[in-house]
Amino acid sequence: MPSYPFLSDEWIEEARRIRAEAEAKGATPNVDHSVRMNLMITDVPFDPGTVQAHLDTSSGLAELDSGHIDPVHMLVTVDYSTARSILVEGNMQVAMQAFMTGKIKVEGDVSKLIELQTTSPTPGAQELAQRLRDITE
């Protein structure tokens, strides 16, 4: 299976395909908390600037995609390495440490972010996360 740099155009396209497959198979909601967050990813190895992305769980399915959405609960600014550890590997220890040391900056409703971090992933969410890990360099 090919793999791509996290948040590269190729990675985004493959993530969209994986999400569409899950939806076509009648995937049930796998995220308990609704959050709409825009992301500013800094220090991206394949882009000289920042990458704009978003995470939207309002449908019950986690959608990580490029670009910003409106309205949102928050804007999160985070470096590429930390974002990859949190969003692909699901490493909540990295998330907490990064937040405490100021590597994650949040503008907006921080309580929504905390709710999302304390939620246990459902089996469907775990499967989707594994498929995203499989396509990530």
N, C-alpha and C. Protein backbone atom coordinates (compact mmCIF):
# COMPACT_ATOMS: atom_id res chain seq x y z
N MET A 1 0.86 -1.18 0.00
CA MET A 1 0.00 0.00 0.00
C MET A 1 0.90 1.24 0.00
N PRO A 2 0.63 2.18 -0.89
CA PRO A 2 1.44 3.41 -0.90
C PRO A 2 1.20 4.25 0.34
N SER A 3 2.22 5.02 0.70
CA SER A 3 2.08 5.94 1.82
C SER A 3 2.54 7.32 1.38
N TYR A 4 2.04 8.32 2.08
CA TYR A 4 2.26 9.71 1.68
C TYR A 4 2.56 10.55 2.92
N PRO A 5 3.23 11.68 2.72
CA PRO A 5 3.44 12.58 3.86
C PRO A 5 2.10 13.09 4.39
N PHE A 6 1.98 13.11 5.70
CA PHE A 6 0.78 13.59 6.37
C PHE A 6 0.39 14.97 5.84
N LEU A 7 -0.86 15.13 5.45
CA LEU A 7 -1.48 16.36 4.95
C LEU A 7 -0.99 16.81 3.58
N SER A 8 -0.21 15.98 2.91
CA SER A 8 0.14 16.30 1.52
C SER A 8 -1.12 16.15 0.67
N ASP A 9 -1.10 16.70 -0.53
CA ASP A 9 -2.28 16.58 -1.41
C ASP A 9 -2.65 15.11 -1.63
N GLU A 10 -1.64 14.26 -1.80
CA GLU A 10 -1.90 12.83 -2.03
C GLU A 10 -2.52 12.18 -0.78
N TRP A 11 -2.02 12.57 0.39
CA TRP A 11 -2.56 12.02 1.63
C TRP A 11 -4.01 12.44 1.81
N ILE A 12 -4.30 13.70 1.56
CA ILE A 12 -5.68 14.20 1.68
C ILE A 12 -6.61 13.44 0.74
N GLU A 13 -6.18 13.24 -0.50
CA GLU A 13 -7.03 12.52 -1.47
C GLU A 13 -7.30 11.10 -1.01
N GLU A 14 -6.27 10.43 -0.52
CA GLU A 14 -6.46 9.05 -0.04
C GLU A 14 -7.34 9.02 1.21
N ALA A 15 -7.17 9.98 2.11
CA ALA A 15 -8.02 10.05 3.31
C ALA A 15 -9.48 10.28 2.91
N ARG A 16 -9.71 11.12 1.91
CA ARG A 16 -11.08 11.33 1.43
C ARG A 16 -11.67 10.03 0.88
N ARG A 17 -10.85 9.28 0.13
CA ARG A 17 -11.31 8.01 -0.44
C ARG A 17 -11.67 7.02 0.67
N ILE A 18 -10.84 6.94 1.69
CA ILE A 18 -11.08 6.04 2.82
C ILE A 18 -12.37 6.43 3.53
N ARG A 19 -12.57 7.73 3.77
CA ARG A 19 -13.78 8.20 4.44
C ARG A 19 -15.02 7.91 3.58
N ALA A 20 -14.92 8.12 2.26
CA ALA A 20 -16.04 7.86 1.35
C ALA A 20 -16.39 6.37 1.35
N GLU A 21 -15.39 5.51 1.39
CA GLU A 21 -15.64 4.07 1.46
C GLU A 21 -16.40 3.72 2.73
N ALA A 22 -15.97 4.30 3.84
CA ALA A 22 -16.64 4.04 5.13
C ALA A 22 -18.09 4.50 5.07
N GLU A 23 -18.31 5.69 4.51
CA GLU A 23 -19.68 6.21 4.41
C GLU A 23 -20.53 5.35 3.48
N ALA A 24 -19.95 4.87 2.37
CA ALA A 24 -20.69 4.03 1.42
C ALA A 24 -21.08 2.69 2.04
N LYS A 25 -20.26 2.22 2.97
CA LYS A 25 -20.56 0.96 3.65
C LYS A 25 -21.52 1.17 4.82
N GLY A 26 -22.00 2.41 4.98
CA GLY A 26 -22.95 2.70 6.04
C GLY A 26 -22.30 2.84 7.40
N ALA A 27 -21.11 3.40 7.44
CA ALA A 27 -20.40 3.59 8.70
C ALA A 27 -21.30 4.33 9.69
N THR A 28 -21.32 3.84 10.88
CA THR A 28 -22.11 4.48 11.93
C THR A 28 -21.26 5.57 12.59
N PRO A 29 -21.89 6.54 13.21
CA PRO A 29 -21.11 7.58 13.89
C PRO A 29 -20.11 6.95 14.86
N ASN A 30 -18.88 7.49 14.84
CA ASN A 30 -17.85 6.91 15.69
C ASN A 30 -17.16 7.93 16.58
N VAL A 31 -17.74 9.13 16.65
CA VAL A 31 -17.19 10.18 17.51
C VAL A 31 -18.35 10.71 18.35
N ASP A 32 -18.18 10.66 19.68
CA ASP A 32 -19.25 11.04 20.59
C ASP A 32 -19.45 12.55 20.73
N HIS A 33 -18.40 13.33 20.53
CA HIS A 33 -18.46 14.78 20.74
C HIS A 33 -18.37 15.51 19.42
N SER A 34 -19.19 16.51 19.26
CA SER A 34 -19.18 17.32 18.06
C SER A 34 -18.22 18.48 18.22
N VAL A 35 -17.26 18.56 17.32
CA VAL A 35 -16.31 19.68 17.33
C VAL A 35 -15.97 20.04 15.89
N ARG A 36 -15.89 21.33 15.66
CA ARG A 36 -15.48 21.87 14.35
C ARG A 36 -14.28 22.76 14.64
N MET A 37 -13.12 22.32 14.14
CA MET A 37 -11.89 23.02 14.45
C MET A 37 -11.08 23.26 13.18
N ASN A 38 -10.61 24.50 13.05
CA ASN A 38 -9.66 24.81 11.99
C ASN A 38 -8.26 24.62 12.54
N LEU A 39 -7.36 24.18 11.67
CA LEU A 39 -5.98 23.92 12.05
C LEU A 39 -5.03 24.74 11.20
N MET A 40 -4.04 25.32 11.84
CA MET A 40 -2.92 25.96 11.16
C MET A 40 -1.71 25.11 11.51
N ILE A 41 -1.20 24.38 10.53
CA ILE A 41 -0.08 23.47 10.75
C ILE A 41 1.19 24.19 10.29
N THR A 42 2.13 24.38 11.21
CA THR A 42 3.38 25.07 10.91
C THR A 42 4.52 24.07 10.75
N ASP A 43 5.64 24.55 10.25
CA ASP A 43 6.86 23.73 10.10
C ASP A 43 6.61 22.48 9.26
N VAL A 44 5.85 22.65 8.18
CA VAL A 44 5.51 21.53 7.30
C VAL A 44 6.72 21.23 6.41
N PRO A 45 7.20 19.99 6.39
CA PRO A 45 8.42 19.68 5.64
C PRO A 45 8.30 19.82 4.12
N PHE A 46 7.10 19.72 3.58
CA PHE A 46 6.93 19.77 2.13
C PHE A 46 6.31 21.08 1.65
N ASP A 47 6.15 22.06 2.56
CA ASP A 47 5.52 23.33 2.20
C ASP A 47 6.26 24.45 2.94
N PRO A 48 6.64 25.51 2.23
CA PRO A 48 7.41 26.56 2.90
C PRO A 48 6.60 27.39 3.91
N GLY A 49 5.29 27.34 3.84
CA GLY A 49 4.46 28.13 4.76
C GLY A 49 3.75 27.24 5.74
N THR A 50 2.50 27.54 5.95
CA THR A 50 1.67 26.72 6.82
C THR A 50 0.62 26.01 5.98
N VAL A 51 0.08 24.95 6.52
CA VAL A 51 -1.00 24.22 5.86
C VAL A 51 -2.26 24.48 6.65
N GLN A 52 -3.31 24.88 5.95
CA GLN A 52 -4.61 25.05 6.59
C GLN A 52 -5.40 23.76 6.42
N ALA A 53 -5.96 23.29 7.53
CA ALA A 53 -6.76 22.07 7.52
C ALA A 53 -7.90 22.23 8.51
N HIS A 54 -8.74 21.22 8.60
CA HIS A 54 -9.81 21.25 9.59
C HIS A 54 -10.13 19.83 10.06
N LEU A 55 -10.70 19.76 11.25
CA LEU A 55 -11.23 18.52 11.79
C LEU A 55 -12.68 18.81 12.16
N ASP A 56 -13.59 18.02 11.60
CA ASP A 56 -15.02 18.22 11.83
C ASP A 56 -15.64 16.88 12.23
N THR A 57 -16.18 16.81 13.43
CA THR A 57 -16.84 15.59 13.88
C THR A 57 -18.35 15.78 14.03
N SER A 58 -18.88 16.87 13.50
CA SER A 58 -20.30 17.19 13.71
C SER A 58 -21.25 16.16 13.09
N SER A 59 -20.78 15.39 12.10
CA SER A 59 -21.64 14.36 11.50
C SER A 59 -21.58 13.05 12.28
N GLY A 60 -20.67 12.97 13.26
CA GLY A 60 -20.46 11.73 13.98
C GLY A 60 -19.27 10.96 13.44
N LEU A 61 -18.82 11.32 12.25
CA LEU A 61 -17.63 10.74 11.66
C LEU A 61 -16.54 11.80 11.65
N ALA A 62 -15.31 11.41 11.96
CA ALA A 62 -14.20 12.36 11.97
C ALA A 62 -13.78 12.67 10.53
N GLU A 63 -13.81 13.94 10.20
CA GLU A 63 -13.38 14.39 8.87
C GLU A 63 -12.16 15.30 9.06
N LEU A 64 -11.01 14.80 8.64
CA LEU A 64 -9.79 15.60 8.64
C LEU A 64 -9.50 15.90 7.18
N ASP A 65 -9.51 17.18 6.83
CA ASP A 65 -9.39 17.56 5.42
C ASP A 65 -8.66 18.89 5.32
N SER A 66 -8.34 19.26 4.10
CA SER A 66 -7.63 20.51 3.86
C SER A 66 -8.59 21.69 3.88
N GLY A 67 -8.03 22.88 4.07
CA GLY A 67 -8.82 24.10 4.07
C GLY A 67 -9.51 24.35 5.40
N HIS A 68 -10.01 25.57 5.53
CA HIS A 68 -10.74 25.96 6.74
C HIS A 68 -12.24 25.92 6.49
N ILE A 69 -13.00 25.74 7.56
CA ILE A 69 -14.46 25.70 7.49
C ILE A 69 -15.01 26.80 8.39
N ASP A 70 -16.30 27.08 8.21
CA ASP A 70 -16.95 28.12 9.01
C ASP A 70 -18.40 27.69 9.21
N PRO A 71 -18.94 27.79 10.40
CA PRO A 71 -18.36 28.27 11.65
C PRO A 71 -17.55 27.17 12.31
N VAL A 72 -16.70 27.57 13.28
CA VAL A 72 -15.89 26.63 14.03
C VAL A 72 -15.96 26.95 15.53
N HIS A 73 -15.59 25.96 16.31
CA HIS A 73 -15.48 26.16 17.75
C HIS A 73 -14.14 26.76 18.13
N MET A 74 -13.11 26.47 17.30
CA MET A 74 -11.77 26.95 17.65
C MET A 74 -10.83 26.90 16.45
N LEU A 75 -9.74 27.64 16.60
CA LEU A 75 -8.61 27.59 15.69
C LEU A 75 -7.44 27.08 16.50
N VAL A 76 -6.80 26.01 16.01
CA VAL A 76 -5.66 25.42 16.69
C VAL A 76 -4.44 25.59 15.81
N THR A 77 -3.39 26.16 16.37
CA THR A 77 -2.11 26.30 15.67
C THR A 77 -1.14 25.33 16.32
N VAL A 78 -0.53 24.49 15.49
CA VAL A 78 0.35 23.43 16.00
C VAL A 78 1.38 23.09 14.93
N ASP A 79 2.56 22.65 15.36
CA ASP A 79 3.58 22.28 14.39
C ASP A 79 3.26 20.91 13.79
N TYR A 80 3.84 20.65 12.64
CA TYR A 80 3.58 19.45 11.84
C TYR A 80 3.82 18.16 12.64
N SER A 81 4.95 18.06 13.28
CA SER A 81 5.30 16.84 14.00
C SER A 81 4.29 16.54 15.11
N THR A 82 3.92 17.56 15.86
CA THR A 82 2.95 17.39 16.94
C THR A 82 1.58 17.02 16.37
N ALA A 83 1.16 17.70 15.30
CA ALA A 83 -0.13 17.39 14.67
C ALA A 83 -0.18 15.95 14.19
N ARG A 84 0.90 15.50 13.57
CA ARG A 84 0.96 14.12 13.08
C ARG A 84 0.86 13.14 14.25
N SER A 85 1.58 13.39 15.33
CA SER A 85 1.54 12.51 16.50
C SER A 85 0.13 12.42 17.09
N ILE A 86 -0.56 13.54 17.11
CA ILE A 86 -1.90 13.57 17.71
C ILE A 86 -2.95 13.02 16.75
N LEU A 87 -2.97 13.54 15.52
CA LEU A 87 -4.07 13.24 14.60
C LEU A 87 -3.94 11.91 13.88
N VAL A 88 -2.72 11.43 13.69
CA VAL A 88 -2.53 10.15 13.01
C VAL A 88 -2.26 9.03 14.01
N GLU A 89 -1.35 9.29 14.93
CA GLU A 89 -0.97 8.25 15.88
C GLU A 89 -1.89 8.20 17.10
N GLY A 90 -2.69 9.26 17.30
CA GLY A 90 -3.60 9.29 18.44
C GLY A 90 -2.89 9.39 19.78
N ASN A 91 -1.72 9.99 19.79
CA ASN A 91 -0.91 10.07 20.99
C ASN A 91 -1.36 11.24 21.86
N MET A 92 -2.21 10.96 22.82
CA MET A 92 -2.75 12.01 23.68
C MET A 92 -1.74 12.52 24.70
N GLN A 93 -0.72 11.73 25.00
CA GLN A 93 0.35 12.21 25.89
C GLN A 93 1.10 13.35 25.21
N VAL A 94 1.36 13.21 23.92
CA VAL A 94 2.01 14.28 23.16
C VAL A 94 1.12 15.51 23.17
N ALA A 95 -0.18 15.30 23.01
CA ALA A 95 -1.13 16.42 23.00
C ALA A 95 -1.09 17.19 24.31
N MET A 96 -1.16 16.50 25.42
CA MET A 96 -1.15 17.16 26.72
C MET A 96 0.16 17.90 26.96
N GLN A 97 1.27 17.24 26.65
CA GLN A 97 2.58 17.86 26.85
C GLN A 97 2.73 19.10 25.96
N ALA A 98 2.31 18.98 24.71
CA ALA A 98 2.41 20.10 23.78
C ALA A 98 1.54 21.27 24.23
N PHE A 99 0.36 20.97 24.71
CA PHE A 99 -0.54 22.02 25.20
C PHE A 99 0.07 22.74 26.40
N MET A 100 0.61 21.96 27.34
CA MET A 100 1.18 22.53 28.56
C MET A 100 2.44 23.36 28.28
N THR A 101 3.17 23.03 27.23
CA THR A 101 4.40 23.75 26.92
C THR A 101 4.19 24.85 25.88
N GLY A 102 2.96 25.06 25.46
CA GLY A 102 2.67 26.14 24.52
C GLY A 102 2.90 25.80 23.06
N LYS A 103 3.14 24.52 22.74
CA LYS A 103 3.32 24.13 21.34
C LYS A 103 1.99 24.07 20.59
N ILE A 104 0.91 24.03 21.35
CA ILE A 104 -0.43 24.08 20.76
C ILE A 104 -1.07 25.37 21.24
N LYS A 105 -1.50 26.19 20.30
CA LYS A 105 -2.18 27.43 20.65
C LYS A 105 -3.64 27.30 20.21
N VAL A 106 -4.56 27.63 21.11
CA VAL A 106 -5.98 27.48 20.83
C VAL A 106 -6.66 28.83 20.98
N GLU A 107 -7.41 29.20 19.95
CA GLU A 107 -8.27 30.39 20.00
C GLU A 107 -9.70 29.90 19.88
N GLY A 108 -10.48 30.10 20.94
CA GLY A 108 -11.88 29.66 20.90
C GLY A 108 -12.20 28.78 22.09
N ASP A 109 -13.12 27.85 21.90
CA ASP A 109 -13.68 27.03 22.96
C ASP A 109 -12.76 25.84 23.30
N VAL A 110 -11.86 26.04 24.24
CA VAL A 110 -10.91 25.01 24.65
C VAL A 110 -11.63 23.79 25.24
N SER A 111 -12.79 24.00 25.84
CA SER A 111 -13.50 22.87 26.45
C SER A 111 -13.86 21.82 25.41
N LYS A 112 -14.15 22.22 24.18
CA LYS A 112 -14.45 21.27 23.11
C LYS A 112 -13.24 20.40 22.80
N LEU A 113 -12.07 20.99 22.84
CA LEU A 113 -10.83 20.25 22.59
C LEU A 113 -10.59 19.24 23.71
N ILE A 114 -10.83 19.64 24.93
CA ILE A 114 -10.64 18.75 26.08
C ILE A 114 -11.63 17.59 26.01
N GLU A 115 -12.88 17.86 25.65
CA GLU A 115 -13.88 16.79 25.49
C GLU A 115 -13.41 15.77 24.47
N LEU A 116 -12.90 16.25 23.36
CA LEU A 116 -12.46 15.37 22.29
C LEU A 116 -11.28 14.50 22.74
N GLN A 117 -10.37 15.07 23.51
CA GLN A 117 -9.20 14.33 23.98
C GLN A 117 -9.55 13.27 25.00
N THR A 118 -10.62 13.45 25.74
CA THR A 118 -10.97 12.50 26.80
C THR A 118 -11.93 11.43 26.34
N THR A 119 -12.33 11.46 25.08
CA THR A 119 -13.25 10.47 24.54
C THR A 119 -12.50 9.22 24.12
N SER A 120 -13.01 8.06 24.50
CA SER A 120 -12.43 6.80 24.06
C SER A 120 -12.90 6.51 22.64
N PRO A 121 -11.98 6.13 21.76
CA PRO A 121 -12.39 5.86 20.38
C PRO A 121 -13.23 4.59 20.28
N THR A 122 -14.23 4.64 19.42
CA THR A 122 -15.07 3.47 19.16
C THR A 122 -14.30 2.51 18.25
N PRO A 123 -14.75 1.27 18.11
CA PRO A 123 -14.09 0.36 17.18
C PRO A 123 -14.04 0.91 15.74
N GLY A 124 -15.11 1.58 15.31
CA GLY A 124 -15.11 2.18 13.97
C GLY A 124 -14.06 3.27 13.84
N ALA A 125 -13.94 4.07 14.87
CA ALA A 125 -12.92 5.14 14.86
C ALA A 125 -11.53 4.54 14.87
N GLN A 126 -11.33 3.47 15.61
CA GLN A 126 -10.02 2.82 15.66
C GLN A 126 -9.66 2.25 14.29
N GLU A 127 -10.63 1.66 13.61
CA GLU A 127 -10.38 1.11 12.27
C GLU A 127 -10.02 2.21 11.28
N LEU A 128 -10.77 3.30 11.31
CA LEU A 128 -10.49 4.42 10.42
C LEU A 128 -9.11 5.01 10.72
N ALA A 129 -8.78 5.15 11.99
CA ALA A 129 -7.47 5.68 12.38
C ALA A 129 -6.35 4.76 11.89
N GLN A 130 -6.55 3.45 11.98
CA GLN A 130 -5.52 2.52 11.50
C GLN A 130 -5.33 2.66 9.99
N ARG A 131 -6.41 2.81 9.27
CA ARG A 131 -6.29 2.98 7.82
C ARG A 131 -5.53 4.26 7.48
N LEU A 132 -5.74 5.34 8.25
CA LEU A 132 -5.00 6.58 8.03
C LEU A 132 -3.52 6.41 8.39
N ARG A 133 -3.24 5.66 9.47
CA ARG A 133 -1.84 5.38 9.82
C ARG A 133 -1.16 4.60 8.70
N ASP A 134 -1.89 3.67 8.10
CA ASP A 134 -1.32 2.83 7.04
C ASP A 134 -0.91 3.62 5.80
N ILE A 135 -1.56 4.77 5.55
CA ILE A 135 -1.22 5.56 4.36
C ILE A 135 -0.25 6.69 4.66
N THR A 136 0.21 6.79 5.91
CA THR A 136 1.03 7.91 6.34
C THR A 136 2.50 7.53 6.45
N GLU A 137 3.35 8.32 5.78
CA GLU A 137 4.80 8.11 5.90
C GLU A 137 5.27 8.54 7.27
